[in-house]
Amino acid sequence: MNVSCDISPAYISGVESYLPNARITFDKFHIVKTLNKAVDDVLNAIQTKLRDAGIFHNWATLRSRLASHYRLTTSMKRFDGKMLYIRKPSKPEECHKLIYDALGLSHQPGGVCKTII
């Protein structure tokens, strides 16, 4: 038996008590609502950290400034036939460093990554 219910612990407990063999499925509305709240909480925390550091840009400006800090990926075929992939971030500009410092992030997000396939 399948039961669709709210994600509230009270509903889950009730279903488990009265229908112990039921498979619980959460309704999409409450899943999306919970995810939206989590995303909103993260964005608010980021915005608070930025404002505390004196950065009052809107999201479009932040995205535009950070878009110029990119990661370059190069690939090379090795002598043994395997492929070597190397990813390395570009050198951050001062505007990148200010944002990263405010958020407590490394100036080289992701660092250098080497993969052999």
Protein backbone atom coordinates (compact mmCIF):
# COMPACT_ATOMS: atom_id res chain seq x y z
CA MET A 1 0.00 0.00 0.00
CA ASN A 2 1.24 3.50 -0.86
CA VAL A 3 0.39 6.57 1.20
CA SER A 4 1.09 10.14 0.13
CA CYS A 5 1.36 12.62 2.98
CA ASP A 6 2.91 15.80 4.30
CA ILE A 7 6.58 15.63 5.35
CA SER A 8 5.67 16.56 8.92
CA PRO A 9 6.97 14.09 11.53
CA ALA A 10 3.44 13.90 13.00
CA TYR A 11 1.99 12.63 9.70
CA ILE A 12 4.84 10.18 9.18
CA SER A 13 4.48 8.84 12.72
CA GLY A 14 0.72 8.43 12.27
CA VAL A 15 1.11 6.53 9.01
CA GLU A 16 3.83 4.29 10.50
CA SER A 17 1.66 3.59 13.57
CA TYR A 18 -1.59 2.77 11.79
CA LEU A 19 -0.24 1.47 8.48
CA PRO A 20 3.12 -0.14 9.31
CA ASN A 21 3.50 -1.83 5.91
CA ALA A 22 2.64 1.27 3.88
CA ARG A 23 5.18 2.89 1.62
CA ILE A 24 5.23 6.63 2.31
CA THR A 25 5.51 9.06 -0.58
CA PHE A 26 5.79 12.78 0.11
CA ASP A 27 3.71 15.15 -1.97
CA LYS A 28 5.59 17.34 -4.42
CA PHE A 29 4.27 20.60 -3.02
CA HIS A 30 5.89 20.10 0.38
CA ILE A 31 9.17 18.84 -1.11
CA VAL A 32 9.44 21.91 -3.35
CA LYS A 33 8.42 24.17 -0.47
CA THR A 34 11.16 22.69 1.74
CA LEU A 35 13.79 22.97 -1.01
CA ASN A 36 12.80 26.57 -1.76
CA LYS A 37 13.12 27.48 1.92
CA ALA A 38 16.57 25.83 2.10
CA VAL A 39 17.77 27.74 -0.98
CA ASP A 40 16.32 30.98 0.40
CA ASP A 41 18.10 30.41 3.74
CA VAL A 42 21.43 29.85 1.98
CA LEU A 43 21.01 32.94 -0.20
CA ASN A 44 20.09 35.05 2.84
CA ALA A 45 23.16 33.78 4.73
CA ILE A 46 25.40 34.64 1.75
CA GLN A 47 23.84 38.08 1.43
CA THR A 48 24.29 38.74 5.17
CA LYS A 49 27.98 37.78 5.03
CA LEU A 50 28.51 40.02 2.00
CA ARG A 51 26.73 42.98 3.61
CA ASP A 52 28.70 42.53 6.83
CA ALA A 53 31.83 42.88 4.68
CA GLY A 54 30.50 46.06 3.04
CA ILE A 55 29.48 44.43 -0.26
CA PHE A 56 25.98 45.56 -1.22
CA HIS A 57 25.77 44.39 -4.85
CA ASN A 58 22.66 42.69 -6.20
CA TRP A 59 22.79 39.09 -7.43
CA ALA A 60 23.12 40.11 -11.10
CA THR A 61 26.17 42.26 -10.34
CA LEU A 62 27.77 39.53 -8.20
CA ARG A 63 27.21 36.98 -10.93
CA SER A 64 28.64 39.32 -13.55
CA ARG A 65 31.76 40.02 -11.48
CA LEU A 66 32.36 36.37 -10.63
CA ALA A 67 31.77 35.27 -14.24
CA SER A 68 35.20 36.61 -15.19
CA HIS A 69 36.87 34.13 -12.81
CA TYR A 70 36.81 30.89 -14.76
CA ARG A 71 38.31 27.42 -14.70
CA LEU A 72 40.23 26.17 -17.68
CA THR A 73 40.17 22.50 -18.62
CA THR A 74 42.70 20.98 -20.96
CA SER A 75 42.95 17.41 -22.15
CA MET A 76 45.87 15.47 -23.58
CA LYS A 77 46.28 11.93 -24.82
CA ARG A 78 49.03 10.10 -22.96
CA PHE A 79 51.53 7.64 -24.45
CA ASP A 80 49.59 4.74 -22.89
CA GLY A 81 46.39 5.83 -24.70
CA LYS A 82 44.67 7.20 -21.58
CA MET A 83 43.40 10.76 -21.46
CA LEU A 84 44.78 13.31 -19.01
CA TYR A 85 42.42 16.13 -17.97
CA ILE A 86 43.68 19.10 -15.99
CA ARG A 87 41.41 21.81 -14.54
CA LYS A 88 42.87 24.99 -13.12
CA PRO A 89 41.21 28.23 -12.03
CA SER A 90 42.32 31.53 -13.50
CA LYS A 91 44.07 34.10 -11.32
CA PRO A 92 41.40 35.95 -9.31
CA GLU A 93 40.98 39.69 -9.71
CA GLU A 94 40.65 41.98 -6.69
CA CYS A 95 36.82 42.04 -6.95
CA HIS A 96 36.81 38.22 -6.78
CA LYS A 97 39.08 38.21 -3.73
CA LEU A 98 36.82 40.62 -1.85
CA ILE A 99 33.79 38.40 -2.42
CA TYR A 100 35.66 35.18 -1.59
CA ASP A 101 37.11 36.71 1.59
CA ALA A 102 33.67 37.90 2.72
CA LEU A 103 32.34 34.35 2.29
CA GLY A 104 35.38 32.64 3.78
CA LEU A 105 36.24 30.91 0.50
CA SER A 106 39.55 30.12 -1.13
CA HIS A 107 40.77 32.50 -3.85
CA GLN A 108 41.26 29.41 -6.03
CA PRO A 109 37.90 27.59 -5.78
CA GLY A 110 38.21 23.98 -6.83
CA GLY A 111 42.00 24.22 -6.96
CA VAL A 112 43.91 22.27 -9.58
CA CYS A 113 42.31 18.95 -10.51
CA LYS A 114 44.13 16.24 -12.46
CA THR A 115 42.18 13.22 -13.77
CA ILE A 116 43.40 10.28 -15.85
CA ILE A 117 40.82 8.19 -17.69
